[in-house]
Amino acid sequence: LVSIETLLSIGAHDIDKIKGTLIFKITGGSELYIPLGSTEPEKVNSGEYACMDEEKIICRMDIRQCEQTKITKDTKSFIVYIQGNKNTDFDYLINALDKICEYTTSFCDATLVKKMV
């Protein structure tokens, strides 16, 4: 909903399905990526911007999230990130994050544990 309202790219991933530390990097072309809604790996081009854990791409930025870390009814904890561009005002991003926190705690009976900027 916030992505539609703000026109920002927003990703959410189940923390329990993330291995190790998240990093943002440029792909080499050999990384594991299974698109959301699929069971088969998809080839990744060298030079793409991606968010990854120690095992896999969790998001090909501006393209698509992965299947393995998707939010489900069984998700207990998740991480959200918001992507703008060089012309996106930082306060606009923070306001979008605030909306995500507000909607999640209001509509999903969730508790905000930590908001990091």
PDB file of N, CA and C in Angstrom:
ATOM      1  N   LEU A   1       0.828  -1.197   0.000  1.00  0.00           N
ATOM      2  CA  LEU A   1       0.000   0.000   0.000  1.00  0.00           C
ATOM      3  C   LEU A   1       0.874   1.264   0.000  1.00  0.00           C
ATOM      4  N   VAL A   2       1.907   1.263   0.811  1.00  0.00           N
ATOM      5  CA  VAL A   2       2.779   2.439   0.883  1.00  0.00           C
ATOM      6  C   VAL A   2       3.529   2.637  -0.432  1.00  0.00           C
ATOM      7  N   SER A   3       3.919   1.553  -1.070  1.00  0.00           N
ATOM      8  CA  SER A   3       4.587   1.660  -2.360  1.00  0.00           C
ATOM      9  C   SER A   3       3.674   2.334  -3.382  1.00  0.00           C
ATOM     10  N   ILE A   4       2.413   1.967  -3.383  1.00  0.00           N
ATOM     11  CA  ILE A   4       1.442   2.582  -4.297  1.00  0.00           C
ATOM     12  C   ILE A   4       1.240   4.056  -3.959  1.00  0.00           C
ATOM     13  N   GLU A   5       1.128   4.360  -2.674  1.00  0.00           N
ATOM     14  CA  GLU A   5       0.901   5.742  -2.240  1.00  0.00           C
ATOM     15  C   GLU A   5       2.090   6.660  -2.530  1.00  0.00           C
ATOM     16  N   THR A   6       3.304   6.132  -2.419  1.00  0.00           N
ATOM     17  CA  THR A   6       4.496   6.967  -2.527  1.00  0.00           C
ATOM     18  C   THR A   6       5.254   6.806  -3.847  1.00  0.00           C
ATOM     19  N   LEU A   7       4.926   5.751  -4.604  1.00  0.00           N
ATOM     20  CA  LEU A   7       5.629   5.394  -5.835  1.00  0.00           C
ATOM     21  C   LEU A   7       7.092   5.023  -5.593  1.00  0.00           C
ATOM     22  N   LEU A   8       7.391   4.558  -4.377  1.00  0.00           N
ATOM     23  CA  LEU A   8       8.737   4.113  -4.037  1.00  0.00           C
ATOM     24  C   LEU A   8       8.835   2.596  -4.146  1.00  0.00           C
ATOM     25  N   SER A   9      10.029   2.108  -4.406  1.00  0.00           N
ATOM     26  CA  SER A   9      10.293   0.680  -4.407  1.00  0.00           C
ATOM     27  C   SER A   9      10.531   0.248  -2.958  1.00  0.00           C
ATOM     28  N   ILE A  10       9.734  -0.712  -2.491  1.00  0.00           N
ATOM     29  CA  ILE A  10       9.808  -1.163  -1.100  1.00  0.00           C
ATOM     30  C   ILE A  10       9.901  -2.682  -1.081  1.00  0.00           C
ATOM     31  N   GLY A  11      10.810  -3.200  -0.300  1.00  0.00           N
ATOM     32  CA  GLY A  11      10.947  -4.643  -0.147  1.00  0.00           C
ATOM     33  C   GLY A  11      10.751  -5.046   1.294  1.00  0.00           C
ATOM     34  N   ALA A  12      10.166  -6.224   1.500  1.00  0.00           N
ATOM     35  CA  ALA A  12       9.981  -6.781   2.842  1.00  0.00           C
ATOM     36  C   ALA A  12      10.366  -8.253   2.802  1.00  0.00           C
ATOM     37  N   HIS A  13      11.135  -8.695   3.792  1.00  0.00           N
ATOM     38  CA  HIS A  13      11.649 -10.056   3.796  1.00  0.00           C
ATOM     39  C   HIS A  13      11.597 -10.649   5.196  1.00  0.00           C
ATOM     40  N   ASP A  14      11.251 -11.924   5.256  1.00  0.00           N
ATOM     41  CA  ASP A  14      11.182 -12.672   6.508  1.00  0.00           C
ATOM     42  C   ASP A  14      12.602 -12.840   7.053  1.00  0.00           C
ATOM     43  N   ILE A  15      12.858 -12.290   8.224  1.00  0.00           N
ATOM     44  CA  ILE A  15      14.192 -12.319   8.821  1.00  0.00           C
ATOM     45  C   ILE A  15      14.667 -13.743   9.080  1.00  0.00           C
ATOM     46  N   ASP A  16      13.762 -14.635   9.475  1.00  0.00           N
ATOM     47  CA  ASP A  16      14.158 -16.017   9.784  1.00  0.00           C
ATOM     48  C   ASP A  16      14.638 -16.779   8.551  1.00  0.00           C
ATOM     49  N   LYS A  17      14.384 -16.251   7.365  1.00  0.00           N
ATOM     50  CA  LYS A  17      14.794 -16.917   6.126  1.00  0.00           C
ATOM     51  C   LYS A  17      16.015 -16.263   5.492  1.00  0.00           C
ATOM     52  N   ILE A  18      16.573 -15.276   6.167  1.00  0.00           N
ATOM     53  CA  ILE A  18      17.778 -14.587   5.702  1.00  0.00           C
ATOM     54  C   ILE A  18      18.981 -15.221   6.384  1.00  0.00           C
ATOM     55  N   LYS A  19      19.993 -15.522   5.606  1.00  0.00           N
ATOM     56  CA  LYS A  19      21.216 -16.148   6.124  1.00  0.00           C
ATOM     57  C   LYS A  19      22.314 -15.107   6.265  1.00  0.00           C
ATOM     58  N   GLY A  20      22.699 -14.830   7.489  1.00  0.00           N
ATOM     59  CA  GLY A  20      23.799 -13.893   7.729  1.00  0.00           C
ATOM     60  C   GLY A  20      23.391 -12.446   7.545  1.00  0.00           C
ATOM     61  N   THR A  21      24.353 -11.645   7.134  1.00  0.00           N
ATOM     62  CA  THR A  21      24.186 -10.205   6.993  1.00  0.00           C
ATOM     63  C   THR A  21      23.691  -9.841   5.600  1.00  0.00           C
ATOM     64  N   LEU A  22      22.804  -8.855   5.523  1.00  0.00           N
ATOM     65  CA  LEU A  22      22.355  -8.345   4.225  1.00  0.00           C
ATOM     66  C   LEU A  22      23.386  -7.359   3.685  1.00  0.00           C
ATOM     67  N   ILE A  23      23.612  -7.438   2.379  1.00  0.00           N
ATOM     68  CA  ILE A  23      24.496  -6.488   1.713  1.00  0.00           C
ATOM     69  C   ILE A  23      23.851  -6.039   0.395  1.00  0.00           C
ATOM     70  N   PHE A  24      24.190  -4.872  -0.037  1.00  0.00           N
ATOM     71  CA  PHE A  24      23.797  -4.372  -1.349  1.00  0.00           C
ATOM     72  C   PHE A  24      25.052  -4.383  -2.200  1.00  0.00           C
ATOM     73  N   LYS A  25      24.976  -5.008  -3.373  1.00  0.00           N
ATOM     74  CA  LYS A  25      26.183  -5.128  -4.195  1.00  0.00           C
ATOM     75  C   LYS A  25      25.825  -5.222  -5.671  1.00  0.00           C
ATOM     76  N   ILE A  26      26.835  -5.115  -6.487  1.00  0.00           N
ATOM     77  CA  ILE A  26      26.702  -5.315  -7.930  1.00  0.00           C
ATOM     78  C   ILE A  26      26.958  -6.798  -8.212  1.00  0.00           C
ATOM     79  N   THR A  27      26.058  -7.426  -8.951  1.00  0.00           N
ATOM     80  CA  THR A  27      26.166  -8.859  -9.208  1.00  0.00           C
ATOM     81  C   THR A  27      27.310  -9.188 -10.159  1.00  0.00           C
ATOM     82  N   GLY A  28      27.799 -10.416 -10.013  1.00  0.00           N
ATOM     83  CA  GLY A  28      28.818 -10.932 -10.921  1.00  0.00           C
ATOM     84  C   GLY A  28      28.223 -11.820 -11.997  1.00  0.00           C
ATOM     85  N   GLY A  29      26.960 -12.221 -11.805  1.00  0.00           N
ATOM     86  CA  GLY A  29      26.269 -13.045 -12.789  1.00  0.00           C
ATOM     87  C   GLY A  29      26.108 -14.499 -12.392  1.00  0.00           C
ATOM     88  N   SER A  30      26.735 -14.917 -11.302  1.00  0.00           N
ATOM     89  CA  SER A  30      26.649 -16.323 -10.888  1.00  0.00           C
ATOM     90  C   SER A  30      25.817 -16.515  -9.619  1.00  0.00           C
ATOM     91  N   GLU A  31      25.212 -15.473  -9.111  1.00  0.00           N
ATOM     92  CA  GLU A  31      24.477 -15.536  -7.855  1.00  0.00           C
ATOM     93  C   GLU A  31      23.172 -16.325  -7.999  1.00  0.00           C
ATOM     94  N   LEU A  32      22.735 -16.964  -6.897  1.00  0.00           N
ATOM     95  CA  LEU A  32      21.470 -17.690  -6.865  1.00  0.00           C
ATOM     96  C   LEU A  32      20.318 -16.705  -6.729  1.00  0.00           C
ATOM     97  N   TYR A  33      19.319 -16.850  -7.604  1.00  0.00           N
ATOM     98  CA  TYR A  33      18.126 -16.002  -7.543  1.00  0.00           C
ATOM     99  C   TYR A  33      16.919 -16.811  -8.015  1.00  0.00           C
ATOM    100  N   ILE A  34      15.947 -16.978  -7.122  1.00  0.00           N
ATOM    101  CA  ILE A  34      14.684 -17.629  -7.469  1.00  0.00           C
ATOM    102  C   ILE A  34      13.597 -16.564  -7.349  1.00  0.00           C
ATOM    103  N   PRO A  35      12.989 -16.153  -8.465  1.00  0.00           N
ATOM    104  CA  PRO A  35      11.990 -15.075  -8.439  1.00  0.00           C
ATOM    105  C   PRO A  35      10.778 -15.414  -7.577  1.00  0.00           C
ATOM    106  N   LEU A  36      10.188 -14.404  -7.004  1.00  0.00           N
ATOM    107  CA  LEU A  36       8.955 -14.554  -6.243  1.00  0.00           C
ATOM    108  C   LEU A  36       7.911 -15.242  -7.112  1.00  0.00           C
ATOM    109  N   GLY A  37       7.292 -16.306  -6.589  1.00  0.00           N
ATOM    110  CA  GLY A  37       6.276 -17.045  -7.320  1.00  0.00           C
ATOM    111  C   GLY A  37       6.816 -18.188  -8.151  1.00  0.00           C
ATOM    112  N   SER A  38       8.131 -18.419  -8.099  1.00  0.00           N
ATOM    113  CA  SER A  38       8.752 -19.471  -8.904  1.00  0.00           C
ATOM    114  C   SER A  38       9.451 -20.477  -7.998  1.00  0.00           C
ATOM    115  N   THR A  39       9.822 -21.617  -8.565  1.00  0.00           N
ATOM    116  CA  THR A  39      10.608 -22.601  -7.829  1.00  0.00           C
ATOM    117  C   THR A  39      11.961 -22.834  -8.490  1.00  0.00           C
ATOM    118  N   GLU A  40      12.147 -22.255  -9.655  1.00  0.00           N
ATOM    119  CA  GLU A  40      13.368 -22.461 -10.433  1.00  0.00           C
ATOM    120  C   GLU A  40      14.251 -21.216 -10.422  1.00  0.00           C
ATOM    121  N   PRO A  41      15.570 -21.417 -10.305  1.00  0.00           N
ATOM    122  CA  PRO A  41      16.490 -20.283 -10.374  1.00  0.00           C
ATOM    123  C   PRO A  41      16.420 -19.592 -11.740  1.00  0.00           C
ATOM    124  N   GLU A  42      16.699 -18.309 -11.726  1.00  0.00           N
ATOM    125  CA  GLU A  42      16.721 -17.501 -12.945  1.00  0.00           C
ATOM    126  C   GLU A  42      18.114 -16.905 -13.106  1.00  0.00           C
ATOM    127  N   LYS A  43      18.584 -16.846 -14.339  1.00  0.00           N
ATOM    128  CA  LYS A  43      19.899 -16.265 -14.619  1.00  0.00           C
ATOM    129  C   LYS A  43      19.894 -14.789 -14.255  1.00  0.00           C
ATOM    130  N   VAL A  44      20.976 -14.359 -13.650  1.00  0.00           N
ATOM    131  CA  VAL A  44      21.165 -12.963 -13.265  1.00  0.00           C
ATOM    132  C   VAL A  44      22.295 -12.396 -14.114  1.00  0.00           C
ATOM    133  N   ASN A  45      22.083 -11.227 -14.657  1.00  0.00           N
ATOM    134  CA  ASN A  45      23.121 -10.568 -15.451  1.00  0.00           C
ATOM    135  C   ASN A  45      24.201  -9.980 -14.558  1.00  0.00           C
ATOM    136  N   SER A  46      25.392  -9.951 -15.049  1.00  0.00           N
ATOM    137  CA  SER A  46      26.486  -9.274 -14.379  1.00  0.00           C
ATOM    138  C   SER A  46      26.203  -7.772 -14.404  1.00  0.00           C
ATOM    139  N   GLY A  47      26.514  -7.099 -13.289  1.00  0.00           N
ATOM    140  CA  GLY A  47      26.372  -5.648 -13.242  1.00  0.00           C
ATOM    141  C   GLY A  47      25.042  -5.145 -12.718  1.00  0.00           C
ATOM    142  N   GLU A  48      24.172  -6.045 -12.235  1.00  0.00           N
ATOM    143  CA  GLU A  48      22.892  -5.611 -11.648  1.00  0.00           C
ATOM    144  C   GLU A  48      23.099  -5.227 -10.181  1.00  0.00           C
ATOM    145  N   TYR A  49      22.291  -4.311  -9.708  1.00  0.00           N
ATOM    146  CA  TYR A  49      22.291  -3.902  -8.309  1.00  0.00           C
ATOM    147  C   TYR A  49      21.353  -4.843  -7.564  1.00  0.00           C
ATOM    148  N   ALA A  50      21.830  -5.462  -6.479  1.00  0.00           N
ATOM    149  CA  ALA A  50      21.032  -6.457  -5.767  1.00  0.00           C
ATOM    150  C   ALA A  50      21.233  -6.353  -4.266  1.00  0.00           C
ATOM    151  N   CYS A  51      20.216  -6.808  -3.552  1.00  0.00           N
ATOM    152  CA  CYS A  51      20.303  -6.993  -2.110  1.00  0.00           C
ATOM    153  C   CYS A  51      20.453  -8.491  -1.895  1.00  0.00           C
ATOM    154  N   MET A  52      21.473  -8.886  -1.116  1.00  0.00           N
ATOM    155  CA  MET A  52      21.790 -10.303  -0.945  1.00  0.00           C
ATOM    156  C   MET A  52      22.056 -10.651   0.510  1.00  0.00           C
ATOM    157  N   ASP A  53      21.811 -11.938   0.824  1.00  0.00           N
ATOM    158  CA  ASP A  53      22.322 -12.460   2.071  1.00  0.00           C
ATOM    159  C   ASP A  53      23.547 -13.308   1.723  1.00  0.00           C
ATOM    160  N   GLU A  54      23.986 -14.179   2.604  1.00  0.00           N
ATOM    161  CA  GLU A  54      25.203 -14.960   2.342  1.00  0.00           C
ATOM    162  C   GLU A  54      25.013 -16.037   1.282  1.00  0.00           C
ATOM    163  N   GLU A  55      23.754 -16.383   0.961  1.00  0.00           N
ATOM    164  CA  GLU A  55      23.483 -17.473   0.025  1.00  0.00           C
ATOM    165  C   GLU A  55      22.866 -17.059  -1.300  1.00  0.00           C
ATOM    166  N   LYS A  56      22.106 -15.954  -1.302  1.00  0.00           N
ATOM    167  CA  LYS A  56      21.254 -15.704  -2.450  1.00  0.00           C
ATOM    168  C   LYS A  56      20.915 -14.223  -2.599  1.00  0.00           C
ATOM    169  N   ILE A  57      20.417 -13.895  -3.771  1.00  0.00           N
ATOM    170  CA  ILE A  57      19.835 -12.580  -4.011  1.00  0.00           C
ATOM    171  C   ILE A  57      18.430 -12.598  -3.427  1.00  0.00           C
ATOM    172  N   ILE A  58      18.135 -11.626  -2.569  1.00  0.00           N
ATOM    173  CA  ILE A  58      16.761 -11.532  -2.066  1.00  0.00           C
ATOM    174  C   ILE A  58      15.952 -10.504  -2.856  1.00  0.00           C
ATOM    175  N   CYS A  59      16.665  -9.619  -3.545  1.00  0.00           N
ATOM    176  CA  CYS A  59      15.966  -8.665  -4.408  1.00  0.00           C
ATOM    177  C   CYS A  59      16.894  -8.161  -5.499  1.00  0.00           C
ATOM    178  N   ARG A  60      16.447  -8.321  -6.736  1.00  0.00           N
ATOM    179  CA  ARG A  60      17.095  -7.639  -7.858  1.00  0.00           C
ATOM    180  C   ARG A  60      16.445  -6.263  -7.880  1.00  0.00           C
ATOM    181  N   MET A  61      17.182  -5.270  -7.469  1.00  0.00           N
ATOM    182  CA  MET A  61      16.623  -3.942  -7.228  1.00  0.00           C
ATOM    183  C   MET A  61      15.876  -3.419  -8.448  1.00  0.00           C
ATOM    184  N   ASP A  62      14.694  -2.907  -8.190  1.00  0.00           N
ATOM    185  CA  ASP A  62      13.784  -2.380  -9.210  1.00  0.00           C
ATOM    186  C   ASP A  62      13.249  -3.447 -10.148  1.00  0.00           C
ATOM    187  N   ILE A  63      13.539  -4.724  -9.877  1.00  0.00           N
ATOM    188  CA  ILE A  63      13.041  -5.774 -10.764  1.00  0.00           C
ATOM    189  C   ILE A  63      12.070  -6.680 -10.040  1.00  0.00           C
ATOM    190  N   ARG A  64      12.564  -7.413  -9.024  1.00  0.00           N
ATOM    191  CA  ARG A  64      11.707  -8.412  -8.407  1.00  0.00           C
ATOM    192  C   ARG A  64      12.335  -8.974  -7.135  1.00  0.00           C
ATOM    193  N   GLN A  65      11.477  -9.317  -6.188  1.00  0.00           N
ATOM    194  CA  GLN A  65      11.899  -9.954  -4.947  1.00  0.00           C
ATOM    195  C   GLN A  65      12.116 -11.449  -5.185  1.00  0.00           C
ATOM    196  N   CYS A  66      12.680 -12.144  -4.199  1.00  0.00           N
ATOM    197  CA  CYS A  66      12.896 -13.582  -4.324  1.00  0.00           C
ATOM    198  C   CYS A  66      11.788 -14.364  -3.622  1.00  0.00           C
ATOM    199  N   GLU A  67      11.723 -15.617  -3.931  1.00  0.00           N
ATOM    200  CA  GLU A  67      10.726 -16.522  -3.350  1.00  0.00           C
ATOM    201  C   GLU A  67      11.078 -16.905  -1.907  1.00  0.00           C
ATOM    202  N   GLN A  68      12.358 -17.176  -1.648  1.00  0.00           N
ATOM    203  CA  GLN A  68      12.751 -17.778  -0.385  1.00  0.00           C
ATOM    204  C   GLN A  68      12.454 -16.947   0.858  1.00  0.00           C
ATOM    205  N   THR A  69      12.478 -15.627   0.762  1.00  0.00           N
ATOM    206  CA  THR A  69      12.311 -14.789   1.959  1.00  0.00           C
ATOM    207  C   THR A  69      10.981 -14.038   1.988  1.00  0.00           C
ATOM    208  N   LYS A  70      10.025 -14.468   1.170  1.00  0.00           N
ATOM    209  CA  LYS A  70       8.748 -13.762   1.120  1.00  0.00           C
ATOM    210  C   LYS A  70       8.023 -13.821   2.467  1.00  0.00           C
ATOM    211  N   ILE A  71       7.216 -12.818   2.723  1.00  0.00           N
ATOM    212  CA  ILE A  71       6.410 -12.746   3.930  1.00  0.00           C
ATOM    213  C   ILE A  71       5.217 -13.699   3.770  1.00  0.00           C
ATOM    214  N   THR A  72       4.944 -14.477   4.802  1.00  0.00           N
ATOM    215  CA  THR A  72       3.796 -15.386   4.802  1.00  0.00           C
ATOM    216  C   THR A  72       3.001 -15.182   6.088  1.00  0.00           C
ATOM    217  N   LYS A  73       1.903 -15.907   6.223  1.00  0.00           N
ATOM    218  CA  LYS A  73       1.099 -15.801   7.449  1.00  0.00           C
ATOM    219  C   LYS A  73       1.859 -16.319   8.662  1.00  0.00           C
ATOM    220  N   ASP A  74       2.919 -17.070   8.441  1.00  0.00           N
ATOM    221  CA  ASP A  74       3.728 -17.610   9.531  1.00  0.00           C
ATOM    222  C   ASP A  74       4.920 -16.731   9.893  1.00  0.00           C
ATOM    223  N   THR A  75       5.141 -15.641   9.160  1.00  0.00           N
ATOM    224  CA  THR A  75       6.271 -14.747   9.428  1.00  0.00           C
ATOM    225  C   THR A  75       6.118 -14.115  10.805  1.00  0.00           C
ATOM    226  N   LYS A  76       7.197 -14.167  11.566  1.00  0.00           N
ATOM    227  CA  LYS A  76       7.210 -13.585  12.920  1.00  0.00           C
ATOM    228  C   LYS A  76       7.954 -12.250  12.955  1.00  0.00           C
ATOM    229  N   SER A  77       9.013 -12.130  12.158  1.00  0.00           N
ATOM    230  CA  SER A  77       9.826 -10.906  12.110  1.00  0.00           C
ATOM    231  C   SER A  77      10.214 -10.648  10.671  1.00  0.00           C
ATOM    232  N   PHE A  78      10.248  -9.373  10.295  1.00  0.00           N
ATOM    233  CA  PHE A  78      10.645  -9.050   8.926  1.00  0.00           C
ATOM    234  C   PHE A  78      11.393  -7.738   8.877  1.00  0.00           C
ATOM    235  N   ILE A  79      12.125  -7.583   7.794  1.00  0.00           N
ATOM    236  CA  ILE A  79      12.871  -6.359   7.542  1.00  0.00           C
ATOM    237  C   ILE A  79      12.262  -5.691   6.311  1.00  0.00           C
ATOM    238  N   VAL A  80      12.249  -4.370   6.324  1.00  0.00           N
ATOM    239  CA  VAL A  80      11.727  -3.579   5.209  1.00  0.00           C
ATOM    240  C   VAL A  80      12.818  -2.620   4.770  1.00  0.00           C
ATOM    241  N   TYR A  81      12.954  -2.446   3.465  1.00  0.00           N
ATOM    242  CA  TYR A  81      13.834  -1.394   2.973  1.00  0.00           C
ATOM    243  C   TYR A  81      13.102  -0.623   1.878  1.00  0.00           C
ATOM    244  N   ILE A  82      13.476   0.623   1.750  1.00  0.00           N
ATOM    245  CA  ILE A  82      12.841   1.529   0.808  1.00  0.00           C
ATOM    246  C   ILE A  82      13.922   2.095  -0.097  1.00  0.00           C
ATOM    247  N   GLN A  83      13.641   2.098  -1.385  1.00  0.00           N
ATOM    248  CA  GLN A  83      14.630   2.586  -2.346  1.00  0.00           C
ATOM    249  C   GLN A  83      14.103   3.811  -3.071  1.00  0.00           C
ATOM    250  N   GLY A  84      14.871   4.866  -3.009  1.00  0.00           N
ATOM    251  CA  GLY A  84      14.596   6.049  -3.805  1.00  0.00           C
ATOM    252  C   GLY A  84      15.688   6.184  -4.857  1.00  0.00           C
ATOM    253  N   ASN A  85      15.948   7.396  -5.253  1.00  0.00           N
ATOM    254  CA  ASN A  85      17.055   7.661  -6.165  1.00  0.00           C
ATOM    255  C   ASN A  85      17.717   8.964  -5.733  1.00  0.00           C
ATOM    256  N   LYS A  86      18.664   9.428  -6.496  1.00  0.00           N
ATOM    257  CA  LYS A  86      19.414  10.622  -6.074  1.00  0.00           C
ATOM    258  C   LYS A  86      18.524  11.860  -5.943  1.00  0.00           C
ATOM    259  N   ASN A  87      17.341  11.845  -6.542  1.00  0.00           N
ATOM    260  CA  ASN A  87      16.433  12.987  -6.453  1.00  0.00           C
ATOM    261  C   ASN A  87      15.363  12.811  -5.383  1.00  0.00           C
ATOM    262  N   THR A  88      15.379  11.683  -4.673  1.00  0.00           N
ATOM    263  CA  THR A  88      14.383  11.424  -3.637  1.00  0.00           C
ATOM    264  C   THR A  88      14.827  12.068  -2.329  1.00  0.00           C
ATOM    265  N   ASP A  89      13.992  12.924  -1.788  1.00  0.00           N
ATOM    266  CA  ASP A  89      14.288  13.583  -0.529  1.00  0.00           C
ATOM    267  C   ASP A  89      14.319  12.561   0.604  1.00  0.00           C
ATOM    268  N   PHE A  90      15.328  12.645   1.468  1.00  0.00           N
ATOM    269  CA  PHE A  90      15.480  11.700   2.570  1.00  0.00           C
ATOM    270  C   PHE A  90      14.243  11.698   3.476  1.00  0.00           C
ATOM    271  N   ASP A  91      13.677  12.852   3.759  1.00  0.00           N
ATOM    272  CA  ASP A  91      12.483  12.920   4.609  1.00  0.00           C
ATOM    273  C   ASP A  91      11.301  12.196   3.976  1.00  0.00           C
ATOM    274  N   TYR A  92      11.230  12.185   2.654  1.00  0.00           N
ATOM    275  CA  TYR A  92      10.177  11.455   1.947  1.00  0.00           C
ATOM    276  C   TYR A  92      10.309   9.954   2.225  1.00  0.00           C
ATOM    277  N   LEU A  93      11.548   9.459   2.221  1.00  0.00           N
ATOM    278  CA  LEU A  93      11.797   8.051   2.531  1.00  0.00           C
ATOM    279  C   LEU A  93      11.429   7.736   3.983  1.00  0.00           C
ATOM    280  N   ILE A  94      11.807   8.600   4.892  1.00  0.00           N
ATOM    281  CA  ILE A  94      11.500   8.389   6.312  1.00  0.00           C
ATOM    282  C   ILE A  94       9.998   8.401   6.542  1.00  0.00           C
ATOM    283  N   ASN A  95       9.288   9.307   5.888  1.00  0.00           N
ATOM    284  CA  ASN A  95       7.823   9.346   6.022  1.00  0.00           C
ATOM    285  C   ASN A  95       7.189   8.058   5.497  1.00  0.00           C
ATOM    286  N   ALA A  96       7.726   7.512   4.424  1.00  0.00           N
ATOM    287  CA  ALA A  96       7.228   6.243   3.890  1.00  0.00           C
ATOM    288  C   ALA A  96       7.479   5.118   4.896  1.00  0.00           C
ATOM    289  N   LEU A  97       8.661   5.101   5.491  1.00  0.00           N
ATOM    290  CA  LEU A  97       8.961   4.097   6.512  1.00  0.00           C
ATOM    291  C   LEU A  97       8.019   4.229   7.702  1.00  0.00           C
ATOM    292  N   ASP A  98       7.739   5.443   8.112  1.00  0.00           N
ATOM    293  CA  ASP A  98       6.794   5.667   9.206  1.00  0.00           C
ATOM    294  C   ASP A  98       5.407   5.118   8.861  1.00  0.00           C
ATOM    295  N   LYS A  99       4.971   5.316   7.607  1.00  0.00           N
ATOM    296  CA  LYS A  99       3.678   4.783   7.176  1.00  0.00           C
ATOM    297  C   LYS A  99       3.657   3.259   7.226  1.00  0.00           C
ATOM    298  N   ILE A 100       4.752   2.642   6.773  1.00  0.00           N
ATOM    299  CA  ILE A 100       4.838   1.179   6.810  1.00  0.00           C
ATOM    300  C   ILE A 100       4.705   0.687   8.248  1.00  0.00           C
ATOM    301  N   CYS A 101       5.419   1.319   9.156  1.00  0.00           N
ATOM    302  CA  CYS A 101       5.349   0.942  10.572  1.00  0.00           C
ATOM    303  C   CYS A 101       3.934   1.150  11.122  1.00  0.00           C
ATOM    304  N   GLU A 102       3.336   2.264  10.784  1.00  0.00           N
ATOM    305  CA  GLU A 102       1.978   2.565  11.246  1.00  0.00           C
ATOM    306  C   GLU A 102       0.975   1.543  10.713  1.00  0.00           C
ATOM    307  N   TYR A 103       1.005   1.270   9.425  1.00  0.00           N
ATOM    308  CA  TYR A 103       0.061   0.322   8.822  1.00  0.00           C
ATOM    309  C   TYR A 103       0.258  -1.086   9.367  1.00  0.00           C
ATOM    310  N   THR A 104       1.508  -1.482   9.520  1.00  0.00           N
ATOM    311  CA  THR A 104       1.784  -2.837   9.990  1.00  0.00           C
ATOM    312  C   THR A 104       1.306  -3.030  11.425  1.00  0.00           C
ATOM    313  N   THR A 105       1.571  -2.051  12.279  1.00  0.00           N
ATOM    314  CA  THR A 105       1.129  -2.181  13.670  1.00  0.00           C
ATOM    315  C   THR A 105      -0.384  -2.042  13.794  1.00  0.00           C
ATOM    316  N   SER A 106      -1.005  -1.260  12.936  1.00  0.00           N
ATOM    317  CA  SER A 106      -2.463  -1.069  12.997  1.00  0.00           C
ATOM    318  C   SER A 106      -3.249  -2.230  12.402  1.00  0.00           C
ATOM    319  N   PHE A 107      -2.854  -2.686  11.216  1.00  0.00           N
ATOM    320  CA  PHE A 107      -3.651  -3.666  10.480  1.00  0.00           C
ATOM    321  C   PHE A 107      -3.248  -5.117  10.735  1.00  0.00           C
ATOM    322  N   CYS A 108      -2.047  -5.336  11.227  1.00  0.00           N
ATOM    323  CA  CYS A 108      -1.540  -6.709  11.368  1.00  0.00           C
ATOM    324  C   CYS A 108      -1.334  -7.125  12.820  1.00  0.00           C
ATOM    325  N   ASP A 109      -1.774  -6.318  13.753  1.00  0.00           N
ATOM    326  CA  ASP A 109      -1.592  -6.625  15.165  1.00  0.00           C
ATOM    327  C   ASP A 109      -0.123  -6.930  15.458  1.00  0.00           C
ATOM    328  N   ALA A 110       0.744  -6.103  14.902  1.00  0.00           N
ATOM    329  CA  ALA A 110       2.188  -6.302  15.036  1.00  0.00           C
ATOM    330  C   ALA A 110       2.770  -5.325  16.044  1.00  0.00           C
ATOM    331  N   THR A 111       3.975  -5.634  16.486  1.00  0.00           N
ATOM    332  CA  THR A 111       4.706  -4.770  17.400  1.00  0.00           C
ATOM    333  C   THR A 111       5.987  -4.323  16.715  1.00  0.00           C
ATOM    334  N   LEU A 112       6.230  -3.029  16.719  1.00  0.00           N
ATOM    335  CA  LEU A 112       7.469  -2.494  16.169  1.00  0.00           C
ATOM    336  C   LEU A 112       8.580  -2.721  17.172  1.00  0.00           C
ATOM    337  N   VAL A 113       9.594  -3.475  16.780  1.00  0.00           N
ATOM    338  CA  VAL A 113      10.699  -3.777  17.672  1.00  0.00           C
ATOM    339  C   VAL A 113      11.800  -2.741  17.535  1.00  0.00           C
ATOM    340  N   LYS A 114      12.176  -2.451  16.283  1.00  0.00           N
ATOM    341  CA  LYS A 114      13.268  -1.512  16.066  1.00  0.00           C
ATOM    342  C   LYS A 114      13.141  -0.901  14.679  1.00  0.00           C
ATOM    343  N   LYS A 115      13.235   0.400  14.634  1.00  0.00           N
ATOM    344  CA  LYS A 115      13.259   1.092  13.358  1.00  0.00           C
ATOM    345  C   LYS A 115      14.635   1.709  13.199  1.00  0.00           C
ATOM    346  N   MET A 116      15.320   1.305  12.130  1.00  0.00           N
ATOM    347  CA  MET A 116      16.671   1.818  11.877  1.00  0.00           C
ATOM    348  C   MET A 116      16.659   2.642  10.601  1.00  0.00           C
ATOM    349  N   VAL A 117      17.414   3.686  10.602  1.00  0.00           N
ATOM    350  CA  VAL A 117      17.516   4.539   9.419  1.00  0.00           C
ATOM    351  C   VAL A 117      18.959   4.581   8.977  1.00  0.00           C
TER     352      VAL A 117
END
